[in-house]
Amino acid sequence: MNFVQMHGTTTFVSFPSHIMAEENQDPKLVPIPPTFHASDTGKPFDHCLMCNQYLLDEGTPYMIEKAVKQHPEMNVVETIFEYAMCMFCAIRMHESLSVESRERISAYFQSNVNFEKRHFDLLGQTDDIANWIGKCAVKRTPISESSEYQLVAQCEGKNLVFSAMPFALSLAAMEEMSSLLSAQSLGEIDDFIGKYFSGPPEVAALLKKKFVMV
């Protein structure tokens, strides 16, 4: 996981099942675009953050998540953190949240995003990833107007899966989601950061106040 600096609220999206591609669907696959490559290598992520499973074998399902901060005054876009996680670990992380948090987050998505309609509307626009991540999936505002945003994708091996994902979340949406988490879920976040973050202690302390698993 690549943490650089944390401002505002960051959301770890551990997805409810209604957001995932169903096994009986035949989603469109394309080679993973550079937007979802590791920023330090410029190459696709190849191992799961948690269990170190190799991810690029054909048919291996996993998630990629990136959090980005924009510095318009310097014309700089900074990756705050990024990682890939196999589907088994992503589901396990989701299940580690309290029932209360899971229900609240699921209700939040269901109230704010019609993923089925979004998929139908965008399926003919897979030639340009910007069509899928150019606006916040929740607020429907241009992601370029958000000081921070999060990108999420579902992948299989060397391919990106067009299902409910990929999508982007603006800072406004992340802040709303962070308010839905229980004390138990916040404790899980602390444990996660403590195990996988190896940066400066002062940044780790800030992460524990702002980082959110959803």
C-alpha atoms as a PDB file:
ATOM      1  CA  MET A   1       0.000   0.000   0.000  1.00  0.00           C
ATOM      2  CA  ASN A   2       1.396   3.373  -0.937  1.00  0.00           C
ATOM      3  CA  PHE A   3       0.451   6.078   1.580  1.00  0.00           C
ATOM      4  CA  VAL A   4       1.974   9.490   0.925  1.00  0.00           C
ATOM      5  CA  GLN A   5       0.003  12.065   2.879  1.00  0.00           C
ATOM      6  CA  MET A   6      -3.530  12.163   4.201  1.00  0.00           C
ATOM      7  CA  HIS A   7      -5.935  15.069   4.195  1.00  0.00           C
ATOM      8  CA  GLY A   8      -9.709  15.007   4.604  1.00  0.00           C
ATOM      9  CA  THR A   9     -11.390  11.605   4.591  1.00  0.00           C
ATOM     10  CA  THR A  10     -10.331   8.467   2.766  1.00  0.00           C
ATOM     11  CA  THR A  11     -12.583   5.498   2.235  1.00  0.00           C
ATOM     12  CA  PHE A  12     -11.534   1.887   1.922  1.00  0.00           C
ATOM     13  CA  VAL A  13     -14.308   0.408  -0.200  1.00  0.00           C
ATOM     14  CA  SER A  14     -14.949  -3.192   0.789  1.00  0.00           C
ATOM     15  CA  PHE A  15     -17.931  -3.857  -1.387  1.00  0.00           C
ATOM     16  CA  PRO A  16     -21.424  -5.106  -0.581  1.00  0.00           C
ATOM     17  CA  SER A  17     -22.379  -7.967  -2.871  1.00  0.00           C
ATOM     18  CA  HIS A  18     -24.880  -5.890  -4.887  1.00  0.00           C
ATOM     19  CA  ILE A  19     -21.988  -3.834  -6.314  1.00  0.00           C
ATOM     20  CA  MET A  20     -19.950  -6.816  -7.494  1.00  0.00           C
ATOM     21  CA  ALA A  21     -20.204  -8.441 -10.927  1.00  0.00           C
ATOM     22  CA  GLU A  22     -22.358 -11.550 -10.721  1.00  0.00           C
ATOM     23  CA  GLU A  23     -20.871 -14.885 -11.729  1.00  0.00           C
ATOM     24  CA  ASN A  24     -23.626 -15.519 -14.272  1.00  0.00           C
ATOM     25  CA  GLN A  25     -23.011 -12.215 -16.044  1.00  0.00           C
ATOM     26  CA  ASP A  26     -20.735 -11.878 -19.053  1.00  0.00           C
ATOM     27  CA  PRO A  27     -19.121  -8.487 -18.365  1.00  0.00           C
ATOM     28  CA  LYS A  28     -16.921  -6.654 -20.823  1.00  0.00           C
ATOM     29  CA  LEU A  29     -13.178  -7.024 -20.202  1.00  0.00           C
ATOM     30  CA  VAL A  30     -10.376  -4.767 -21.417  1.00  0.00           C
ATOM     31  CA  PRO A  31      -6.657  -4.655 -20.562  1.00  0.00           C
ATOM     32  CA  ILE A  32      -6.184  -2.737 -17.308  1.00  0.00           C
ATOM     33  CA  PRO A  33      -5.655   0.924 -18.293  1.00  0.00           C
ATOM     34  CA  PRO A  34      -2.703   2.934 -16.920  1.00  0.00           C
ATOM     35  CA  THR A  35      -5.040   4.828 -14.580  1.00  0.00           C
ATOM     36  CA  PHE A  36      -5.245   1.649 -12.492  1.00  0.00           C
ATOM     37  CA  HIS A  37      -1.570   0.701 -12.668  1.00  0.00           C
ATOM     38  CA  ALA A  38       0.705   1.046  -9.643  1.00  0.00           C
ATOM     39  CA  SER A  39       1.983   4.617  -9.581  1.00  0.00           C
ATOM     40  CA  ASP A  40       5.476   3.675  -8.385  1.00  0.00           C
ATOM     41  CA  THR A  41       6.155   1.137 -11.158  1.00  0.00           C
ATOM     42  CA  GLY A  42       3.771   2.148 -13.942  1.00  0.00           C
ATOM     43  CA  LYS A  43       2.832  -1.539 -14.222  1.00  0.00           C
ATOM     44  CA  PRO A  44      -0.263  -3.520 -13.179  1.00  0.00           C
ATOM     45  CA  PHE A  45      -0.539  -4.557  -9.540  1.00  0.00           C
ATOM     46  CA  ASP A  46       0.503  -8.195  -9.313  1.00  0.00           C
ATOM     47  CA  HIS A  47      -0.046  -9.287  -5.690  1.00  0.00           C
ATOM     48  CA  CYS A  48      -2.783  -8.979  -3.066  1.00  0.00           C
ATOM     49  CA  LEU A  49      -1.938  -6.539  -0.276  1.00  0.00           C
ATOM     50  CA  MET A  50      -3.184  -8.902   2.441  1.00  0.00           C
ATOM     51  CA  CYS A  51      -2.394 -12.482   1.416  1.00  0.00           C
ATOM     52  CA  ASN A  52       0.184 -11.847  -1.341  1.00  0.00           C
ATOM     53  CA  GLN A  53      -1.736 -13.972  -3.853  1.00  0.00           C
ATOM     54  CA  TYR A  54      -0.523 -13.501  -7.430  1.00  0.00           C
ATOM     55  CA  LEU A  55      -3.248 -11.621  -9.281  1.00  0.00           C
ATOM     56  CA  LEU A  56      -2.368 -11.641 -12.970  1.00  0.00           C
ATOM     57  CA  ASP A  57      -3.271 -15.242 -13.765  1.00  0.00           C
ATOM     58  CA  GLU A  58      -6.261 -15.484 -16.100  1.00  0.00           C
ATOM     59  CA  GLY A  59      -9.594 -15.411 -14.265  1.00  0.00           C
ATOM     60  CA  THR A  60      -8.225 -14.292 -10.874  1.00  0.00           C
ATOM     61  CA  PRO A  61     -10.726 -11.782  -9.426  1.00  0.00           C
ATOM     62  CA  TYR A  62      -9.539  -8.809  -7.364  1.00  0.00           C
ATOM     63  CA  MET A  63     -10.085  -5.140  -6.565  1.00  0.00           C
ATOM     64  CA  ILE A  64      -7.914  -2.083  -7.134  1.00  0.00           C
ATOM     65  CA  GLU A  65      -8.364   1.078  -5.131  1.00  0.00           C
ATOM     66  CA  LYS A  66      -6.600   4.420  -5.400  1.00  0.00           C
ATOM     67  CA  ALA A  67      -7.029   7.634  -3.438  1.00  0.00           C
ATOM     68  CA  VAL A  68      -5.866  10.799  -5.125  1.00  0.00           C
ATOM     69  CA  LYS A  69      -5.326  14.397  -3.992  1.00  0.00           C
ATOM     70  CA  GLN A  70      -5.230  17.256  -6.458  1.00  0.00           C
ATOM     71  CA  HIS A  71      -2.958  20.287  -6.037  1.00  0.00           C
ATOM     72  CA  PRO A  72      -4.281  22.673  -8.715  1.00  0.00           C
ATOM     73  CA  GLU A  73      -2.012  25.490  -7.579  1.00  0.00           C
ATOM     74  CA  MET A  74       0.974  23.317  -8.550  1.00  0.00           C
ATOM     75  CA  ASN A  75      -0.766  21.417 -11.350  1.00  0.00           C
ATOM     76  CA  VAL A  76       0.053  18.190  -9.469  1.00  0.00           C
ATOM     77  CA  VAL A  77      -2.046  15.074  -8.876  1.00  0.00           C
ATOM     78  CA  GLU A  78      -0.742  13.035  -5.926  1.00  0.00           C
ATOM     79  CA  THR A  79      -1.500   9.388  -5.153  1.00  0.00           C
ATOM     80  CA  ILE A  80      -2.312   9.221  -1.438  1.00  0.00           C
ATOM     81  CA  PHE A  81      -2.532   5.452  -1.383  1.00  0.00           C
ATOM     82  CA  GLU A  82      -3.161   2.526  -3.699  1.00  0.00           C
ATOM     83  CA  TYR A  83      -3.408  -1.224  -3.488  1.00  0.00           C
ATOM     84  CA  ALA A  84      -4.869  -4.366  -4.994  1.00  0.00           C
ATOM     85  CA  MET A  85      -6.743  -6.961  -2.958  1.00  0.00           C
ATOM     86  CA  CYS A  86      -7.947 -10.386  -4.007  1.00  0.00           C
ATOM     87  CA  MET A  87     -11.682 -10.935  -3.861  1.00  0.00           C
ATOM     88  CA  PHE A  88     -11.441 -13.354  -0.943  1.00  0.00           C
ATOM     89  CA  CYS A  89      -9.637 -10.750   1.188  1.00  0.00           C
ATOM     90  CA  ALA A  90     -11.960  -7.941   0.039  1.00  0.00           C
ATOM     91  CA  ILE A  91     -15.003  -9.927   1.125  1.00  0.00           C
ATOM     92  CA  ARG A  92     -13.304 -10.826   4.415  1.00  0.00           C
ATOM     93  CA  MET A  93     -12.585  -7.143   5.040  1.00  0.00           C
ATOM     94  CA  HIS A  94     -16.201  -6.241   4.337  1.00  0.00           C
ATOM     95  CA  GLU A  95     -17.385  -8.910   6.747  1.00  0.00           C
ATOM     96  CA  SER A  96     -15.047  -7.597   9.454  1.00  0.00           C
ATOM     97  CA  LEU A  97     -17.157  -4.442   9.667  1.00  0.00           C
ATOM     98  CA  SER A  98     -20.015  -4.340  12.144  1.00  0.00           C
ATOM     99  CA  VAL A  99     -23.445  -5.368  10.870  1.00  0.00           C
ATOM    100  CA  GLU A 100     -24.620  -1.839  11.616  1.00  0.00           C
ATOM    101  CA  SER A 101     -21.918  -0.289   9.423  1.00  0.00           C
ATOM    102  CA  ARG A 102     -22.516  -2.729   6.575  1.00  0.00           C
ATOM    103  CA  GLU A 103     -26.241  -2.071   6.600  1.00  0.00           C
ATOM    104  CA  ARG A 104     -25.729   1.695   6.632  1.00  0.00           C
ATOM    105  CA  ILE A 105     -23.221   1.646   3.784  1.00  0.00           C
ATOM    106  CA  SER A 106     -25.374  -0.702   1.717  1.00  0.00           C
ATOM    107  CA  ALA A 107     -28.399   1.549   2.252  1.00  0.00           C
ATOM    108  CA  TYR A 108     -26.292   4.594   1.328  1.00  0.00           C
ATOM    109  CA  PHE A 109     -25.280   3.097  -2.002  1.00  0.00           C
ATOM    110  CA  GLN A 110     -28.776   1.836  -2.756  1.00  0.00           C
ATOM    111  CA  SER A 111     -30.274   5.253  -2.008  1.00  0.00           C
ATOM    112  CA  ASN A 112     -27.743   7.216  -4.027  1.00  0.00           C
ATOM    113  CA  VAL A 113     -26.599   5.066  -6.945  1.00  0.00           C
ATOM    114  CA  ASN A 114     -28.560   2.923  -9.391  1.00  0.00           C
ATOM    115  CA  PHE A 115     -25.672   0.666 -10.402  1.00  0.00           C
ATOM    116  CA  GLU A 116     -27.755  -1.362 -12.840  1.00  0.00           C
ATOM    117  CA  LYS A 117     -28.838   1.750 -14.767  1.00  0.00           C
ATOM    118  CA  ARG A 118     -25.343   3.205 -14.591  1.00  0.00           C
ATOM    119  CA  HIS A 119     -23.895   0.021 -16.076  1.00  0.00           C
ATOM    120  CA  PHE A 120     -26.494  -0.008 -18.859  1.00  0.00           C
ATOM    121  CA  ASP A 121     -25.906   3.667 -19.687  1.00  0.00           C
ATOM    122  CA  LEU A 122     -22.110   3.342 -19.810  1.00  0.00           C
ATOM    123  CA  LEU A 123     -21.590  -0.103 -21.304  1.00  0.00           C
ATOM    124  CA  GLY A 124     -21.215   1.336 -24.801  1.00  0.00           C
ATOM    125  CA  GLN A 125     -18.517   3.737 -23.601  1.00  0.00           C
ATOM    126  CA  THR A 126     -15.758   1.338 -22.588  1.00  0.00           C
ATOM    127  CA  ASP A 127     -13.298   2.799 -25.092  1.00  0.00           C
ATOM    128  CA  ASP A 128     -12.461   5.614 -22.663  1.00  0.00           C
ATOM    129  CA  ILE A 129     -12.141   4.963 -18.919  1.00  0.00           C
ATOM    130  CA  ALA A 130     -12.879   8.649 -18.269  1.00  0.00           C
ATOM    131  CA  ASN A 131     -16.516   8.000 -19.186  1.00  0.00           C
ATOM    132  CA  TRP A 132     -16.766   5.756 -16.096  1.00  0.00           C
ATOM    133  CA  ILE A 133     -14.652   7.689 -13.597  1.00  0.00           C
ATOM    134  CA  GLY A 134     -15.001  11.292 -14.763  1.00  0.00           C
ATOM    135  CA  LYS A 135     -17.832  11.978 -12.301  1.00  0.00           C
ATOM    136  CA  CYS A 136     -18.528  10.918  -8.731  1.00  0.00           C
ATOM    137  CA  ALA A 137     -20.857   7.912  -8.843  1.00  0.00           C
ATOM    138  CA  VAL A 138     -22.795   9.274  -5.853  1.00  0.00           C
ATOM    139  CA  LYS A 139     -22.830  13.038  -6.328  1.00  0.00           C
ATOM    140  CA  ARG A 140     -22.568  12.979 -10.144  1.00  0.00           C
ATOM    141  CA  THR A 141     -20.255  15.972  -9.999  1.00  0.00           C
ATOM    142  CA  PRO A 142     -17.037  16.210 -12.051  1.00  0.00           C
ATOM    143  CA  ILE A 143     -14.239  14.495 -10.182  1.00  0.00           C
ATOM    144  CA  SER A 144     -11.904  17.254 -11.365  1.00  0.00           C
ATOM    145  CA  GLU A 145     -13.737  19.611  -8.987  1.00  0.00           C
ATOM    146  CA  SER A 146     -13.012  17.486  -5.895  1.00  0.00           C
ATOM    147  CA  SER A 147      -9.806  18.158  -3.958  1.00  0.00           C
ATOM    148  CA  GLU A 148      -9.602  14.442  -3.195  1.00  0.00           C
ATOM    149  CA  TYR A 149     -11.237  11.473  -4.829  1.00  0.00           C
ATOM    150  CA  GLN A 150     -11.156   7.722  -4.843  1.00  0.00           C
ATOM    151  CA  LEU A 151     -11.011   5.322  -7.799  1.00  0.00           C
ATOM    152  CA  VAL A 152     -12.188   1.733  -7.595  1.00  0.00           C
ATOM    153  CA  ALA A 153     -12.044  -1.083 -10.138  1.00  0.00           C
ATOM    154  CA  GLN A 154     -12.814  -4.786 -10.324  1.00  0.00           C
ATOM    155  CA  CYS A 155     -10.319  -6.856 -12.305  1.00  0.00           C
ATOM    156  CA  GLU A 156      -9.674 -10.401 -13.499  1.00  0.00           C
ATOM    157  CA  GLY A 157      -6.070 -11.282 -14.189  1.00  0.00           C
ATOM    158  CA  LYS A 158      -4.678  -8.694 -16.607  1.00  0.00           C
ATOM    159  CA  ASN A 159      -8.122  -7.299 -17.454  1.00  0.00           C
ATOM    160  CA  LEU A 160     -10.434  -4.663 -16.000  1.00  0.00           C
ATOM    161  CA  VAL A 161     -14.082  -5.716 -15.618  1.00  0.00           C
ATOM    162  CA  PHE A 162     -16.827  -3.305 -16.645  1.00  0.00           C
ATOM    163  CA  SER A 163     -19.680  -4.077 -14.266  1.00  0.00           C
ATOM    164  CA  ALA A 164     -20.931  -1.653 -11.602  1.00  0.00           C
ATOM    165  CA  MET A 165     -17.306  -0.601 -11.553  1.00  0.00           C
ATOM    166  CA  PRO A 166     -15.058   1.168 -12.270  1.00  0.00           C
ATOM    167  CA  PHE A 167     -16.267   4.280 -10.486  1.00  0.00           C
ATOM    168  CA  ALA A 168     -15.035   7.337  -8.620  1.00  0.00           C
ATOM    169  CA  LEU A 169     -16.060   8.819  -5.272  1.00  0.00           C
ATOM    170  CA  SER A 170     -15.647  12.512  -4.482  1.00  0.00           C
ATOM    171  CA  LEU A 171     -14.505  13.845  -1.120  1.00  0.00           C
ATOM    172  CA  ALA A 172     -18.085  14.912  -0.345  1.00  0.00           C
ATOM    173  CA  ALA A 173     -19.323  11.345  -0.793  1.00  0.00           C
ATOM    174  CA  MET A 174     -16.460   9.907   1.265  1.00  0.00           C
ATOM    175  CA  GLU A 175     -17.188  12.272   4.132  1.00  0.00           C
ATOM    176  CA  GLU A 176     -20.839  11.201   4.168  1.00  0.00           C
ATOM    177  CA  MET A 177     -19.847   7.538   4.168  1.00  0.00           C
ATOM    178  CA  SER A 178     -17.325   8.000   6.980  1.00  0.00           C
ATOM    179  CA  SER A 179     -20.079   9.278   9.272  1.00  0.00           C
ATOM    180  CA  LEU A 180     -21.928   5.963   8.955  1.00  0.00           C
ATOM    181  CA  LEU A 181     -19.300   3.772  10.620  1.00  0.00           C
ATOM    182  CA  SER A 182     -19.610   2.299  14.101  1.00  0.00           C
ATOM    183  CA  ALA A 183     -16.944   2.255  16.813  1.00  0.00           C
ATOM    184  CA  GLN A 184     -16.316  -1.437  16.087  1.00  0.00           C
ATOM    185  CA  SER A 185     -15.653  -0.693  12.424  1.00  0.00           C
ATOM    186  CA  LEU A 186     -13.327   2.172  13.309  1.00  0.00           C
ATOM    187  CA  GLY A 187     -11.395  -0.283  15.478  1.00  0.00           C
ATOM    188  CA  GLU A 188     -11.014  -2.606  12.485  1.00  0.00           C
ATOM    189  CA  ILE A 189      -9.614   0.331  10.525  1.00  0.00           C
ATOM    190  CA  ASP A 190      -7.042   1.006  13.242  1.00  0.00           C
ATOM    191  CA  ASP A 191      -5.951  -2.642  13.115  1.00  0.00           C
ATOM    192  CA  PHE A 192      -5.727  -2.570   9.314  1.00  0.00           C
ATOM    193  CA  ILE A 193      -3.575   0.552   9.275  1.00  0.00           C
ATOM    194  CA  GLY A 194      -1.373  -0.740  12.055  1.00  0.00           C
ATOM    195  CA  LYS A 195      -0.689  -3.931  10.123  1.00  0.00           C
ATOM    196  CA  TYR A 196      -0.197  -2.614   6.592  1.00  0.00           C
ATOM    197  CA  PHE A 197       1.014   0.978   6.979  1.00  0.00           C
ATOM    198  CA  SER A 198       4.742   1.426   7.520  1.00  0.00           C
ATOM    199  CA  GLY A 199       5.107   5.183   7.049  1.00  0.00           C
ATOM    200  CA  PRO A 200       5.984   7.888   9.584  1.00  0.00           C
ATOM    201  CA  PRO A 201       4.164   7.571  12.961  1.00  0.00           C
ATOM    202  CA  GLU A 202       2.620  11.030  12.648  1.00  0.00           C
ATOM    203  CA  VAL A 203       1.060  10.095   9.295  1.00  0.00           C
ATOM    204  CA  ALA A 204      -0.149   6.757  10.674  1.00  0.00           C
ATOM    205  CA  ALA A 205      -1.843   8.612  13.540  1.00  0.00           C
ATOM    206  CA  LEU A 206      -3.580  10.897  11.057  1.00  0.00           C
ATOM    207  CA  LEU A 207      -4.669   7.915   8.962  1.00  0.00           C
ATOM    208  CA  LYS A 208      -6.325   6.305  11.973  1.00  0.00           C
ATOM    209  CA  LYS A 209      -8.482   9.407  12.387  1.00  0.00           C
ATOM    210  CA  LYS A 210      -9.425   9.709   8.706  1.00  0.00           C
ATOM    211  CA  PHE A 211      -9.190   6.276   7.071  1.00  0.00           C
ATOM    212  CA  VAL A 212     -12.523   4.522   6.539  1.00  0.00           C
ATOM    213  CA  MET A 213     -13.304   0.958   5.481  1.00  0.00           C
ATOM    214  CA  VAL A 214     -16.625   0.774   3.663  1.00  0.00           C
END
